[in-house]
Each structure stands twice: as structure tokens, then as C-alpha cells.
N, C-alpha and C. Protein backbone atom coordinates (compact mmCIF):
# COMPACT_ATOMS: atom_id res chain seq x y z
N MET A 1 -4.40 30.81 24.85
CA MET A 1 -4.55 29.37 24.83
C MET A 1 -6.03 28.99 24.74
N ALA A 2 -6.89 29.70 25.46
CA ALA A 2 -8.31 29.39 25.44
C ALA A 2 -8.89 29.61 24.04
N ARG A 3 -8.45 30.67 23.39
CA ARG A 3 -8.93 30.96 22.04
C ARG A 3 -8.54 29.85 21.08
N PHE A 4 -7.32 29.36 21.19
CA PHE A 4 -6.84 28.26 20.35
C PHE A 4 -7.68 27.00 20.57
N LEU A 5 -7.98 26.68 21.81
CA LEU A 5 -8.76 25.49 22.11
C LEU A 5 -10.20 25.61 21.59
N ILE A 6 -10.76 26.80 21.66
CA ILE A 6 -12.11 27.01 21.13
C ILE A 6 -12.11 26.83 19.62
N ILE A 7 -11.12 27.41 18.94
CA ILE A 7 -11.02 27.28 17.48
C ILE A 7 -10.79 25.82 17.09
N LEU A 8 -9.94 25.13 17.84
CA LEU A 8 -9.68 23.72 17.57
C LEU A 8 -10.95 22.90 17.76
N GLY A 9 -11.71 23.17 18.79
CA GLY A 9 -12.96 22.47 19.03
C GLY A 9 -13.97 22.72 17.92
N LEU A 10 -14.07 23.95 17.47
CA LEU A 10 -14.98 24.27 16.36
C LEU A 10 -14.56 23.59 15.07
N ALA A 11 -13.25 23.52 14.85
CA ALA A 11 -12.75 22.84 13.66
C ALA A 11 -13.06 21.35 13.70
N LEU A 12 -12.94 20.74 14.87
CA LEU A 12 -13.27 19.32 15.00
C LEU A 12 -14.75 19.07 14.80
N VAL A 13 -15.59 19.95 15.31
CA VAL A 13 -17.04 19.82 15.10
C VAL A 13 -17.37 19.96 13.62
N ALA A 14 -16.75 20.93 12.96
CA ALA A 14 -16.98 21.13 11.52
C ALA A 14 -16.51 19.91 10.73
N ALA A 15 -15.37 19.36 11.08
CA ALA A 15 -14.88 18.17 10.39
C ALA A 15 -15.82 16.99 10.61
N GLY A 16 -16.34 16.86 11.80
CA GLY A 16 -17.29 15.78 12.09
C GLY A 16 -18.58 15.92 11.31
N LEU A 17 -19.05 17.15 11.17
CA LEU A 17 -20.28 17.37 10.42
C LEU A 17 -20.07 17.19 8.91
N LEU A 18 -18.89 17.52 8.42
CA LEU A 18 -18.60 17.43 6.99
C LEU A 18 -18.07 16.06 6.58
N TRP A 19 -17.77 15.18 7.53
CA TRP A 19 -17.16 13.90 7.22
C TRP A 19 -17.95 13.06 6.21
N PRO A 20 -19.27 12.95 6.32
CA PRO A 20 -20.00 12.16 5.31
C PRO A 20 -19.81 12.70 3.88
N TYR A 21 -19.70 14.01 3.75
CA TYR A 21 -19.50 14.61 2.42
C TYR A 21 -18.06 14.42 1.95
N LEU A 22 -17.12 14.46 2.87
CA LEU A 22 -15.71 14.28 2.51
C LEU A 22 -15.42 12.86 2.06
N THR A 23 -16.10 11.88 2.66
CA THR A 23 -15.87 10.49 2.25
C THR A 23 -16.39 10.23 0.84
N ARG A 24 -17.41 10.98 0.41
CA ARG A 24 -17.90 10.84 -0.96
C ARG A 24 -16.87 11.35 -1.97
N LEU A 25 -16.00 12.26 -1.54
CA LEU A 25 -14.96 12.78 -2.42
C LEU A 25 -13.75 11.86 -2.50
N GLY A 26 -13.71 10.83 -1.65
CA GLY A 26 -12.59 9.89 -1.66
C GLY A 26 -11.58 10.16 -0.57
N ILE A 27 -11.80 11.19 0.22
CA ILE A 27 -10.88 11.48 1.32
C ILE A 27 -11.13 10.45 2.42
N GLY A 28 -10.10 9.77 2.85
CA GLY A 28 -10.24 8.75 3.86
C GLY A 28 -9.98 7.36 3.31
N HIS A 29 -9.97 7.21 2.01
CA HIS A 29 -9.66 5.93 1.38
C HIS A 29 -8.71 6.16 0.22
N LEU A 30 -7.54 6.68 0.54
CA LEU A 30 -6.53 6.96 -0.47
C LEU A 30 -5.69 5.72 -0.74
N PRO A 31 -5.06 5.64 -1.92
CA PRO A 31 -4.13 4.55 -2.18
C PRO A 31 -2.98 4.59 -1.17
N GLY A 32 -2.67 3.48 -0.58
CA GLY A 32 -1.62 3.42 0.43
C GLY A 32 -2.18 3.22 1.82
N ASP A 33 -3.48 3.44 2.00
CA ASP A 33 -4.12 3.15 3.28
C ASP A 33 -4.22 1.63 3.43
N ILE A 34 -4.00 1.15 4.63
CA ILE A 34 -3.98 -0.29 4.88
C ILE A 34 -5.38 -0.76 5.27
N VAL A 35 -5.89 -1.76 4.53
CA VAL A 35 -7.19 -2.36 4.83
C VAL A 35 -7.01 -3.87 4.86
N VAL A 36 -7.36 -4.49 5.99
CA VAL A 36 -7.29 -5.93 6.13
C VAL A 36 -8.69 -6.42 6.44
N THR A 37 -9.22 -7.30 5.58
CA THR A 37 -10.56 -7.85 5.78
C THR A 37 -10.46 -9.36 5.87
N ARG A 38 -10.94 -9.90 6.98
CA ARG A 38 -10.96 -11.36 7.18
C ARG A 38 -12.28 -11.73 7.82
N GLY A 39 -13.08 -12.42 7.08
CA GLY A 39 -14.39 -12.83 7.59
C GLY A 39 -15.25 -11.62 7.89
N ASN A 40 -15.70 -11.53 9.14
CA ASN A 40 -16.54 -10.40 9.54
C ASN A 40 -15.73 -9.32 10.27
N PHE A 41 -14.41 -9.34 10.11
CA PHE A 41 -13.53 -8.37 10.76
C PHE A 41 -12.83 -7.53 9.70
N THR A 42 -12.84 -6.22 9.89
CA THR A 42 -12.14 -5.31 8.99
C THR A 42 -11.27 -4.37 9.81
N PHE A 43 -9.99 -4.30 9.46
CA PHE A 43 -9.06 -3.39 10.11
C PHE A 43 -8.64 -2.34 9.08
N TYR A 44 -8.79 -1.08 9.42
CA TYR A 44 -8.47 0.02 8.50
C TYR A 44 -7.49 0.95 9.19
N PHE A 45 -6.33 1.17 8.56
CA PHE A 45 -5.31 2.07 9.09
C PHE A 45 -4.96 3.09 8.01
N PRO A 46 -5.43 4.34 8.15
CA PRO A 46 -5.27 5.35 7.09
C PRO A 46 -3.89 6.02 7.12
N VAL A 47 -2.88 5.32 6.64
CA VAL A 47 -1.51 5.84 6.66
C VAL A 47 -1.38 7.08 5.78
N VAL A 48 -1.72 6.96 4.51
CA VAL A 48 -1.54 8.05 3.55
C VAL A 48 -2.49 9.21 3.88
N THR A 49 -3.71 8.89 4.28
CA THR A 49 -4.65 9.94 4.65
C THR A 49 -4.11 10.75 5.83
N SER A 50 -3.50 10.09 6.80
CA SER A 50 -2.93 10.78 7.95
C SER A 50 -1.77 11.69 7.53
N ILE A 51 -0.95 11.22 6.62
CA ILE A 51 0.18 12.02 6.14
C ILE A 51 -0.31 13.25 5.39
N VAL A 52 -1.30 13.06 4.52
CA VAL A 52 -1.84 14.19 3.75
C VAL A 52 -2.49 15.21 4.68
N LEU A 53 -3.29 14.76 5.63
CA LEU A 53 -3.91 15.68 6.59
C LEU A 53 -2.87 16.40 7.43
N SER A 54 -1.80 15.72 7.80
CA SER A 54 -0.75 16.34 8.58
C SER A 54 -0.06 17.45 7.78
N ILE A 55 0.21 17.20 6.52
CA ILE A 55 0.85 18.21 5.68
C ILE A 55 -0.06 19.42 5.50
N VAL A 56 -1.33 19.17 5.23
CA VAL A 56 -2.29 20.27 5.03
C VAL A 56 -2.45 21.10 6.30
N LEU A 57 -2.62 20.43 7.44
CA LEU A 57 -2.78 21.16 8.70
C LEU A 57 -1.50 21.91 9.08
N SER A 58 -0.35 21.32 8.82
CA SER A 58 0.92 22.01 9.10
C SER A 58 1.05 23.27 8.25
N ALA A 59 0.68 23.17 6.98
CA ALA A 59 0.75 24.33 6.10
C ALA A 59 -0.23 25.42 6.54
N LEU A 60 -1.44 25.03 6.93
CA LEU A 60 -2.43 26.00 7.39
C LEU A 60 -1.98 26.70 8.68
N LEU A 61 -1.45 25.94 9.61
CA LEU A 61 -0.99 26.53 10.86
C LEU A 61 0.25 27.40 10.63
N TRP A 62 1.10 27.01 9.70
CA TRP A 62 2.27 27.83 9.37
C TRP A 62 1.83 29.16 8.76
N LEU A 63 0.85 29.10 7.86
CA LEU A 63 0.33 30.33 7.26
C LEU A 63 -0.37 31.21 8.28
N ALA A 64 -1.08 30.59 9.21
CA ALA A 64 -1.78 31.36 10.24
C ALA A 64 -0.81 32.03 11.20
N GLY A 65 0.35 31.41 11.38
CA GLY A 65 1.36 31.97 12.29
C GLY A 65 2.16 33.12 11.70
N ARG A 66 2.10 33.29 10.41
CA ARG A 66 2.86 34.33 9.75
C ARG A 66 2.19 35.63 9.90
């Protein structure tokens, strides 16, 4: 369990460091994500991005478990 948590923590740090580069590729603003802008308020709910990330992470964890 400790090994899993360490790997998960490192993956989160790597994702945080790579996030500025990933947003340049268009990841995080996919068609289907909900964006509401009113005046000086913006609400962003990444529905499709969450689904895509969930599928990718599920596939990676499934492959790692084999």
C-alpha cells in the first residue's frame, strides 16, 4: 500500500509540473466541457476531460495489474 501511495504521489507531482504543457496541447478544454461566463465570473466543469482521463487511467491500471 505504501508503494502505491508513493507512486500515486509522484504521478500527481509529475502531472502538476506538466500541466502548463498539457494545456497547450488542448487537454483540459475538450468539446463537451461546460463553461459558463457571466461578467467577471467563470465556471468551468470538465465533463469530457474527466471521462477521457478516467478511461486512460483505468486502462493503465488494468495493464499494470496484468
